[in-house]
């Protein structure tokens, strides 16, 4: 069995640092890099891209709402076409800096509230897929497993890969528990690893108080801004590898 390990990185701004990107880039196989919407700036993007290239980690654009104060975790009312143009602008920014850093953007993963909305709202999912397709037919999409964004990407022949979250709780419909509710976050690496091993064996994601939900996954996400993210990623990589799981990028390097 083979699966990718990804993390949302480059989410600092100016002198403010969020997470330990250097340590995470020694553990993950793909990196979703903020591109100036919910977080980051040109220097932060460049440094993160350069670190990813030095570690042989593939990179993706991580566009989100232009809402640094809310870290992209609030829905900002926008028409779908506006969402598409916002996403395109952020992808383009990261592509330009990736060229300067000696790497290239391989895929797109919407961030936070935008990613959750694209999971349920087909019009928003279509707008994101159309933007990605217009920029480059070589770009893939990394989507939350079982969502409208997966369907939208396939409808326009974009390669699409599905992800699950090591550090987030799930609802019975396969969506994530909202961050403001109990059970939204998993901080215990032992609990996260046990759940992942069970999922990889069965294809079923545990849900508190309900039957597990079937999901498909090519990648596992550990949020880089979460407390203990590095230790969780380290244990996931080590213990899944010990169980015979190959940790490798979902796209070729």
C-alpha atoms as a PDB file:
ATOM      1  CA  UNK A   1       0.000   0.000   0.000  1.00  0.00           C
ATOM      2  CA  UNK A   2       1.185   3.507  -0.865  1.00  0.00           C
ATOM      3  CA  UNK A   3      -0.009   6.892   0.370  1.00  0.00           C
ATOM      4  CA  UNK A   4       1.171  10.501   0.333  1.00  0.00           C
ATOM      5  CA  UNK A   5       1.713  12.645   3.436  1.00  0.00           C
ATOM      6  CA  UNK A   6       0.954  16.346   2.955  1.00  0.00           C
ATOM      7  CA  UNK A   7       0.907  19.496   5.058  1.00  0.00           C
ATOM      8  CA  UNK A   8      -0.268  23.102   4.706  1.00  0.00           C
ATOM      9  CA  UNK A   9       2.886  25.217   4.911  1.00  0.00           C
ATOM     10  CA  UNK A  10       4.236  28.710   4.271  1.00  0.00           C
ATOM     11  CA  UNK A  11       1.468  30.193   6.404  1.00  0.00           C
ATOM     12  CA  UNK A  12       3.503  32.858   8.154  1.00  0.00           C
ATOM     13  CA  UNK A  13       3.623  36.514   7.165  1.00  0.00           C
ATOM     14  CA  UNK A  14       6.531  38.943   7.342  1.00  0.00           C
ATOM     15  CA  UNK A  15       8.293  38.368  10.703  1.00  0.00           C
ATOM     16  CA  UNK A  16       5.477  36.144  12.014  1.00  0.00           C
ATOM     17  CA  UNK A  17       6.223  32.430  11.798  1.00  0.00           C
ATOM     18  CA  UNK A  18       3.528  29.760  11.975  1.00  0.00           C
ATOM     19  CA  UNK A  19       4.641  26.168  12.386  1.00  0.00           C
ATOM     20  CA  UNK A  20       8.016  24.582  11.716  1.00  0.00           C
ATOM     21  CA  UNK A  21       8.114  24.355   7.927  1.00  0.00           C
ATOM     22  CA  UNK A  22      11.713  23.161   7.780  1.00  0.00           C
ATOM     23  CA  UNK A  23      10.996  20.191  10.041  1.00  0.00           C
ATOM     24  CA  UNK A  24       7.751  19.328   8.262  1.00  0.00           C
ATOM     25  CA  UNK A  25       9.468  19.392   4.875  1.00  0.00           C
ATOM     26  CA  UNK A  26      11.813  16.689   6.130  1.00  0.00           C
ATOM     27  CA  UNK A  27       8.798  14.446   6.780  1.00  0.00           C
ATOM     28  CA  UNK A  28       6.066  15.090   4.204  1.00  0.00           C
ATOM     29  CA  UNK A  29       6.037  14.111   0.549  1.00  0.00           C
ATOM     30  CA  UNK A  30       3.918  17.013  -0.702  1.00  0.00           C
ATOM     31  CA  UNK A  31       3.462  20.576   0.547  1.00  0.00           C
ATOM     32  CA  UNK A  32       0.436  22.820   0.092  1.00  0.00           C
ATOM     33  CA  UNK A  33       1.910  26.319   0.120  1.00  0.00           C
ATOM     34  CA  UNK A  34      -0.122  29.391   1.012  1.00  0.00           C
ATOM     35  CA  UNK A  35      -0.035  31.902  -1.807  1.00  0.00           C
ATOM     36  CA  UNK A  36      -0.965  35.298  -0.426  1.00  0.00           C
ATOM     37  CA  UNK A  37      -4.665  34.939   0.336  1.00  0.00           C
ATOM     38  CA  UNK A  38      -5.243  33.622   3.845  1.00  0.00           C
ATOM     39  CA  UNK A  39      -1.523  33.882   4.653  1.00  0.00           C
ATOM     40  CA  UNK A  40       2.018  34.316   3.307  1.00  0.00           C
ATOM     41  CA  UNK A  41       3.867  36.931   1.282  1.00  0.00           C
ATOM     42  CA  UNK A  42       6.449  36.721  -1.539  1.00  0.00           C
ATOM     43  CA  UNK A  43       9.438  36.107   0.745  1.00  0.00           C
ATOM     44  CA  UNK A  44       7.631  33.474   2.799  1.00  0.00           C
ATOM     45  CA  UNK A  45       6.464  31.744  -0.368  1.00  0.00           C
ATOM     46  CA  UNK A  46       9.960  31.794  -1.850  1.00  0.00           C
ATOM     47  CA  UNK A  47      11.632  30.440   1.291  1.00  0.00           C
ATOM     48  CA  UNK A  48       9.089  27.641   1.617  1.00  0.00           C
ATOM     49  CA  UNK A  49       9.364  26.726  -2.060  1.00  0.00           C
ATOM     50  CA  UNK A  50      13.165  26.653  -1.840  1.00  0.00           C
ATOM     51  CA  UNK A  51      13.036  24.417   1.247  1.00  0.00           C
ATOM     52  CA  UNK A  52      10.599  22.094  -0.519  1.00  0.00           C
ATOM     53  CA  UNK A  53      12.886  21.858  -3.541  1.00  0.00           C
ATOM     54  CA  UNK A  54      15.891  21.105  -1.321  1.00  0.00           C
ATOM     55  CA  UNK A  55      13.959  18.280   0.350  1.00  0.00           C
ATOM     56  CA  UNK A  56      12.580  16.813  -2.892  1.00  0.00           C
ATOM     57  CA  UNK A  57       9.001  17.571  -1.852  1.00  0.00           C
ATOM     58  CA  UNK A  58       6.419  18.265  -4.560  1.00  0.00           C
ATOM     59  CA  UNK A  59       4.523  21.519  -4.117  1.00  0.00           C
ATOM     60  CA  UNK A  60       0.952  22.609  -4.615  1.00  0.00           C
ATOM     61  CA  UNK A  61      -0.814  25.948  -4.424  1.00  0.00           C
ATOM     62  CA  UNK A  62      -2.998  26.444  -1.353  1.00  0.00           C
ATOM     63  CA  UNK A  63      -5.309  29.339  -2.295  1.00  0.00           C
ATOM     64  CA  UNK A  64      -7.836  30.668   0.181  1.00  0.00           C
ATOM     65  CA  UNK A  65     -10.077  33.616   0.834  1.00  0.00           C
ATOM     66  CA  UNK A  66      -8.262  36.952   1.043  1.00  0.00           C
ATOM     67  CA  UNK A  67      -8.845  37.023   4.783  1.00  0.00           C
ATOM     68  CA  UNK A  68      -5.601  36.953   6.788  1.00  0.00           C
ATOM     69  CA  UNK A  69      -7.404  38.137   9.930  1.00  0.00           C
ATOM     70  CA  UNK A  70      -9.592  35.036   9.818  1.00  0.00           C
ATOM     71  CA  UNK A  71      -6.819  32.806   8.438  1.00  0.00           C
ATOM     72  CA  UNK A  72      -9.123  31.909   5.546  1.00  0.00           C
ATOM     73  CA  UNK A  73     -11.452  30.006   7.864  1.00  0.00           C
ATOM     74  CA  UNK A  74     -14.466  32.274   7.300  1.00  0.00           C
ATOM     75  CA  UNK A  75     -16.634  32.186   4.175  1.00  0.00           C
ATOM     76  CA  UNK A  76     -16.400  35.532   2.378  1.00  0.00           C
ATOM     77  CA  UNK A  77     -19.478  36.066   0.156  1.00  0.00           C
ATOM     78  CA  UNK A  78     -18.328  35.995  -3.464  1.00  0.00           C
ATOM     79  CA  UNK A  79     -19.824  34.984  -6.792  1.00  0.00           C
ATOM     80  CA  UNK A  80     -18.359  31.733  -8.139  1.00  0.00           C
ATOM     81  CA  UNK A  81     -16.678  33.577 -11.023  1.00  0.00           C
ATOM     82  CA  UNK A  82     -14.964  35.885  -8.515  1.00  0.00           C
ATOM     83  CA  UNK A  83     -13.745  32.849  -6.594  1.00  0.00           C
ATOM     84  CA  UNK A  84     -12.245  31.467  -9.791  1.00  0.00           C
ATOM     85  CA  UNK A  85     -10.336  34.669 -10.524  1.00  0.00           C
ATOM     86  CA  UNK A  86      -9.109  34.925  -6.930  1.00  0.00           C
ATOM     87  CA  UNK A  87      -7.824  31.358  -7.057  1.00  0.00           C
ATOM     88  CA  UNK A  88      -6.167  31.932 -10.435  1.00  0.00           C
ATOM     89  CA  UNK A  89      -4.346  35.030  -9.164  1.00  0.00           C
ATOM     90  CA  UNK A  90      -2.966  33.163  -6.167  1.00  0.00           C
ATOM     91  CA  UNK A  91      -1.868  30.145  -8.206  1.00  0.00           C
ATOM     92  CA  UNK A  92      -0.103  32.456 -10.651  1.00  0.00           C
ATOM     93  CA  UNK A  93       1.782  34.179  -7.843  1.00  0.00           C
ATOM     94  CA  UNK A  94       3.048  30.874  -6.486  1.00  0.00           C
ATOM     95  CA  UNK A  95       3.990  29.641  -9.966  1.00  0.00           C
ATOM     96  CA  UNK A  96       6.148  32.719 -10.565  1.00  0.00           C
ATOM     97  CA  UNK A  97       8.003  32.320  -7.274  1.00  0.00           C
ATOM     98  CA  UNK A  98       8.339  28.566  -7.789  1.00  0.00           C
ATOM     99  CA  UNK A  99      10.175  29.256 -11.049  1.00  0.00           C
ATOM    100  CA  UNK A 100      12.596  31.486  -9.138  1.00  0.00           C
ATOM    101  CA  UNK A 101      13.025  28.848  -6.420  1.00  0.00           C
ATOM    102  CA  UNK A 102      13.883  26.075  -8.872  1.00  0.00           C
ATOM    103  CA  UNK A 103      10.690  24.074  -8.607  1.00  0.00           C
ATOM    104  CA  UNK A 104       7.178  24.015 -10.088  1.00  0.00           C
ATOM    105  CA  UNK A 105       3.602  23.975  -8.847  1.00  0.00           C
ATOM    106  CA  UNK A 106       2.104  20.551  -9.511  1.00  0.00           C
ATOM    107  CA  UNK A 107      -1.378  20.739  -8.004  1.00  0.00           C
ATOM    108  CA  UNK A 108      -3.943  22.936  -6.245  1.00  0.00           C
ATOM    109  CA  UNK A 109      -5.605  22.376  -2.864  1.00  0.00           C
ATOM    110  CA  UNK A 110      -8.123  25.019  -1.695  1.00  0.00           C
ATOM    111  CA  UNK A 111      -7.644  26.139   1.891  1.00  0.00           C
ATOM    112  CA  UNK A 112      -9.968  26.240   4.876  1.00  0.00           C
ATOM    113  CA  UNK A 113     -13.420  27.689   4.362  1.00  0.00           C
ATOM    114  CA  UNK A 114     -12.921  27.789   0.595  1.00  0.00           C
ATOM    115  CA  UNK A 115     -12.032  24.101   0.478  1.00  0.00           C
ATOM    116  CA  UNK A 116     -15.005  23.189   2.644  1.00  0.00           C
ATOM    117  CA  UNK A 117     -17.381  25.287   0.529  1.00  0.00           C
ATOM    118  CA  UNK A 118     -16.039  23.771  -2.690  1.00  0.00           C
ATOM    119  CA  UNK A 119     -16.761  20.386  -1.153  1.00  0.00           C
ATOM    120  CA  UNK A 120     -20.488  21.109  -0.982  1.00  0.00           C
ATOM    121  CA  UNK A 121     -21.218  23.856  -3.526  1.00  0.00           C
ATOM    122  CA  UNK A 122     -20.893  22.574  -7.091  1.00  0.00           C
ATOM    123  CA  UNK A 123     -20.884  26.077  -8.602  1.00  0.00           C
ATOM    124  CA  UNK A 124     -17.872  27.072  -6.496  1.00  0.00           C
ATOM    125  CA  UNK A 125     -16.202  23.732  -7.233  1.00  0.00           C
ATOM    126  CA  UNK A 126     -16.779  24.267 -10.964  1.00  0.00           C
ATOM    127  CA  UNK A 127     -15.260  27.762 -10.784  1.00  0.00           C
ATOM    128  CA  UNK A 128     -12.122  26.457  -9.079  1.00  0.00           C
ATOM    129  CA  UNK A 129     -11.788  23.587 -11.534  1.00  0.00           C
ATOM    130  CA  UNK A 130     -12.244  25.960 -14.491  1.00  0.00           C
ATOM    131  CA  UNK A 131      -9.546  28.272 -13.137  1.00  0.00           C
ATOM    132  CA  UNK A 132      -7.113  25.408 -12.651  1.00  0.00           C
ATOM    133  CA  UNK A 133      -7.826  24.041 -16.113  1.00  0.00           C
ATOM    134  CA  UNK A 134      -7.373  27.477 -17.728  1.00  0.00           C
ATOM    135  CA  UNK A 135      -3.986  27.977 -16.082  1.00  0.00           C
ATOM    136  CA  UNK A 136      -2.512  24.623 -17.078  1.00  0.00           C
ATOM    137  CA  UNK A 137      -3.802  21.206 -18.141  1.00  0.00           C
ATOM    138  CA  UNK A 138      -0.864  19.746 -16.229  1.00  0.00           C
ATOM    139  CA  UNK A 139      -2.104  20.914 -12.832  1.00  0.00           C
ATOM    140  CA  UNK A 140      -3.892  18.394 -10.609  1.00  0.00           C
ATOM    141  CA  UNK A 141      -6.355  19.023  -7.785  1.00  0.00           C
ATOM    142  CA  UNK A 142      -6.056  17.657  -4.260  1.00  0.00           C
ATOM    143  CA  UNK A 143      -9.576  17.542  -2.822  1.00  0.00           C
ATOM    144  CA  UNK A 144     -11.238  16.493   0.406  1.00  0.00           C
ATOM    145  CA  UNK A 145     -12.398  12.918  -0.129  1.00  0.00           C
ATOM    146  CA  UNK A 146     -15.992  12.460  -1.255  1.00  0.00           C
ATOM    147  CA  UNK A 147     -16.723  16.061  -2.259  1.00  0.00           C
ATOM    148  CA  UNK A 148     -18.118  18.104  -5.151  1.00  0.00           C
ATOM    149  CA  UNK A 149     -14.630  19.368  -5.982  1.00  0.00           C
ATOM    150  CA  UNK A 150     -13.635  15.833  -6.951  1.00  0.00           C
ATOM    151  CA  UNK A 151     -16.618  15.590  -9.321  1.00  0.00           C
ATOM    152  CA  UNK A 152     -15.989  19.046 -10.787  1.00  0.00           C
ATOM    153  CA  UNK A 153     -12.350  18.224 -11.511  1.00  0.00           C
ATOM    154  CA  UNK A 154     -13.204  14.930 -13.201  1.00  0.00           C
ATOM    155  CA  UNK A 155     -15.873  16.640 -15.310  1.00  0.00           C
ATOM    156  CA  UNK A 156     -13.195  18.766 -17.024  1.00  0.00           C
ATOM    157  CA  UNK A 157     -10.555  16.012 -17.131  1.00  0.00           C
ATOM    158  CA  UNK A 158      -8.321  17.402 -14.381  1.00  0.00           C
ATOM    159  CA  UNK A 159      -6.314  14.738 -12.531  1.00  0.00           C
ATOM    160  CA  UNK A 160      -7.795  14.632  -9.033  1.00  0.00           C
ATOM    161  CA  UNK A 161      -6.455  13.065  -5.849  1.00  0.00           C
ATOM    162  CA  UNK A 162      -8.357  12.660  -2.604  1.00  0.00           C
ATOM    163  CA  UNK A 163      -7.196  13.374   0.930  1.00  0.00           C
ATOM    164  CA  UNK A 164      -8.144  12.513   4.467  1.00  0.00           C
ATOM    165  CA  UNK A 165      -7.046  14.340   7.609  1.00  0.00           C
ATOM    166  CA  UNK A 166      -4.954  12.819  10.351  1.00  0.00           C
ATOM    167  CA  UNK A 167      -5.810  15.533  12.852  1.00  0.00           C
ATOM    168  CA  UNK A 168      -9.494  16.273  12.178  1.00  0.00           C
ATOM    169  CA  UNK A 169     -12.713  14.621  13.310  1.00  0.00           C
ATOM    170  CA  UNK A 170     -15.348  13.479  10.822  1.00  0.00           C
ATOM    171  CA  UNK A 171     -19.136  13.802  10.573  1.00  0.00           C
ATOM    172  CA  UNK A 172     -21.440  10.974   9.409  1.00  0.00           C
ATOM    173  CA  UNK A 173     -21.646  12.536   5.909  1.00  0.00           C
ATOM    174  CA  UNK A 174     -17.864  12.405   5.506  1.00  0.00           C
ATOM    175  CA  UNK A 175     -17.356  16.123   6.076  1.00  0.00           C
ATOM    176  CA  UNK A 176     -15.071  17.538   8.752  1.00  0.00           C
ATOM    177  CA  UNK A 177     -16.307  18.445  12.211  1.00  0.00           C
ATOM    178  CA  UNK A 178     -16.408  22.289  12.305  1.00  0.00           C
ATOM    179  CA  UNK A 179     -13.461  23.663  14.232  1.00  0.00           C
ATOM    180  CA  UNK A 180     -15.677  25.371  16.805  1.00  0.00           C
ATOM    181  CA  UNK A 181     -17.270  22.068  17.857  1.00  0.00           C
ATOM    182  CA  UNK A 182     -15.959  19.386  20.222  1.00  0.00           C
ATOM    183  CA  UNK A 183     -14.014  16.635  18.501  1.00  0.00           C
ATOM    184  CA  UNK A 184     -12.897  18.844  15.614  1.00  0.00           C
ATOM    185  CA  UNK A 185      -9.183  18.366  16.277  1.00  0.00           C
ATOM    186  CA  UNK A 186      -7.117  15.300  17.144  1.00  0.00           C
ATOM    187  CA  UNK A 187      -3.924  16.170  19.006  1.00  0.00           C
ATOM    188  CA  UNK A 188      -2.869  12.715  20.242  1.00  0.00           C
ATOM    189  CA  UNK A 189      -0.474  11.081  17.736  1.00  0.00           C
ATOM    190  CA  UNK A 190      -1.313   7.600  19.054  1.00  0.00           C
ATOM    191  CA  UNK A 191      -5.020   8.139  18.427  1.00  0.00           C
ATOM    192  CA  UNK A 192      -4.314   9.606  14.972  1.00  0.00           C
ATOM    193  CA  UNK A 193      -2.069   6.710  13.936  1.00  0.00           C
ATOM    194  CA  UNK A 194      -4.499   4.059  15.201  1.00  0.00           C
ATOM    195  CA  UNK A 195      -7.340   5.663  13.258  1.00  0.00           C
ATOM    196  CA  UNK A 196      -5.244   5.919  10.086  1.00  0.00           C
ATOM    197  CA  UNK A 197      -4.119   2.291  10.253  1.00  0.00           C
ATOM    198  CA  UNK A 198      -7.706   1.173  10.692  1.00  0.00           C
ATOM    199  CA  UNK A 199      -8.819   3.327   7.783  1.00  0.00           C
ATOM    200  CA  UNK A 200      -6.084   2.105   5.456  1.00  0.00           C
ATOM    201  CA  UNK A 201      -7.083  -1.474   6.197  1.00  0.00           C
ATOM    202  CA  UNK A 202     -10.843  -1.004   5.879  1.00  0.00           C
ATOM    203  CA  UNK A 203     -11.498   2.173   3.855  1.00  0.00           C
ATOM    204  CA  UNK A 204     -13.841   3.265   6.657  1.00  0.00           C
ATOM    205  CA  UNK A 205     -13.329   6.470   8.649  1.00  0.00           C
ATOM    206  CA  UNK A 206     -14.498   6.314  12.289  1.00  0.00           C
ATOM    207  CA  UNK A 207     -17.213   8.765  13.365  1.00  0.00           C
ATOM    208  CA  UNK A 208     -18.009   9.310  17.044  1.00  0.00           C
ATOM    209  CA  UNK A 209     -21.405   7.864  17.900  1.00  0.00           C
ATOM    210  CA  UNK A 210     -22.174   6.731  14.350  1.00  0.00           C
ATOM    211  CA  UNK A 211     -21.229   4.081  11.832  1.00  0.00           C
ATOM    212  CA  UNK A 212     -17.902   4.712  10.069  1.00  0.00           C
ATOM    213  CA  UNK A 213     -18.058   6.435   6.686  1.00  0.00           C
ATOM    214  CA  UNK A 214     -16.401   5.041   3.532  1.00  0.00           C
ATOM    215  CA  UNK A 215     -13.803   7.343   1.975  1.00  0.00           C
ATOM    216  CA  UNK A 216     -11.051   7.076  -0.635  1.00  0.00           C
ATOM    217  CA  UNK A 217      -7.620   8.538   0.014  1.00  0.00           C
ATOM    218  CA  UNK A 218      -4.418   9.100  -1.948  1.00  0.00           C
ATOM    219  CA  UNK A 219      -3.006  11.482   0.676  1.00  0.00           C
ATOM    220  CA  UNK A 220      -3.057  12.166   4.420  1.00  0.00           C
ATOM    221  CA  UNK A 221      -2.941  15.766   5.676  1.00  0.00           C
ATOM    222  CA  UNK A 222      -1.349  17.000   8.901  1.00  0.00           C
ATOM    223  CA  UNK A 223      -2.017  20.705   9.455  1.00  0.00           C
ATOM    224  CA  UNK A 224       1.305  22.493   9.784  1.00  0.00           C
ATOM    225  CA  UNK A 225      -0.105  25.190  12.089  1.00  0.00           C
ATOM    226  CA  UNK A 226      -1.431  22.723  14.683  1.00  0.00           C
ATOM    227  CA  UNK A 227       0.386  22.316  18.022  1.00  0.00           C
ATOM    228  CA  UNK A 228       2.522  19.189  17.887  1.00  0.00           C
ATOM    229  CA  UNK A 229       2.252  18.932  14.094  1.00  0.00           C
ATOM    230  CA  UNK A 230       5.873  17.876  13.605  1.00  0.00           C
ATOM    231  CA  UNK A 231       5.690  15.085  16.173  1.00  0.00           C
ATOM    232  CA  UNK A 232       2.393  13.865  14.727  1.00  0.00           C
ATOM    233  CA  UNK A 233       3.826  13.799  11.197  1.00  0.00           C
ATOM    234  CA  UNK A 234       6.961  12.049  12.462  1.00  0.00           C
ATOM    235  CA  UNK A 235       4.987   9.324  14.215  1.00  0.00           C
ATOM    236  CA  UNK A 236       2.591   8.856  11.313  1.00  0.00           C
ATOM    237  CA  UNK A 237       5.443   8.426   8.869  1.00  0.00           C
ATOM    238  CA  UNK A 238       7.418   6.072  11.110  1.00  0.00           C
ATOM    239  CA  UNK A 239       4.544   3.913  12.259  1.00  0.00           C
ATOM    240  CA  UNK A 240       2.783   3.616   8.907  1.00  0.00           C
ATOM    241  CA  UNK A 241       6.110   2.679   7.323  1.00  0.00           C
ATOM    242  CA  UNK A 242       6.665   0.059  10.043  1.00  0.00           C
ATOM    243  CA  UNK A 243       3.232  -1.369   9.194  1.00  0.00           C
ATOM    244  CA  UNK A 244       4.277  -1.832   5.561  1.00  0.00           C
ATOM    245  CA  UNK A 245       2.747   1.343   4.119  1.00  0.00           C
ATOM    246  CA  UNK A 246       4.908   3.150   1.553  1.00  0.00           C
ATOM    247  CA  UNK A 247       4.926   6.926   2.097  1.00  0.00           C
ATOM    248  CA  UNK A 248       5.332   8.509  -1.336  1.00  0.00           C
ATOM    249  CA  UNK A 249       4.005  11.492  -3.259  1.00  0.00           C
ATOM    250  CA  UNK A 250       0.781  11.059  -5.225  1.00  0.00           C
ATOM    251  CA  UNK A 251       2.504  12.637  -8.224  1.00  0.00           C
ATOM    252  CA  UNK A 252       5.962  11.663  -9.533  1.00  0.00           C
ATOM    253  CA  UNK A 253       8.795  13.958  -8.434  1.00  0.00           C
END
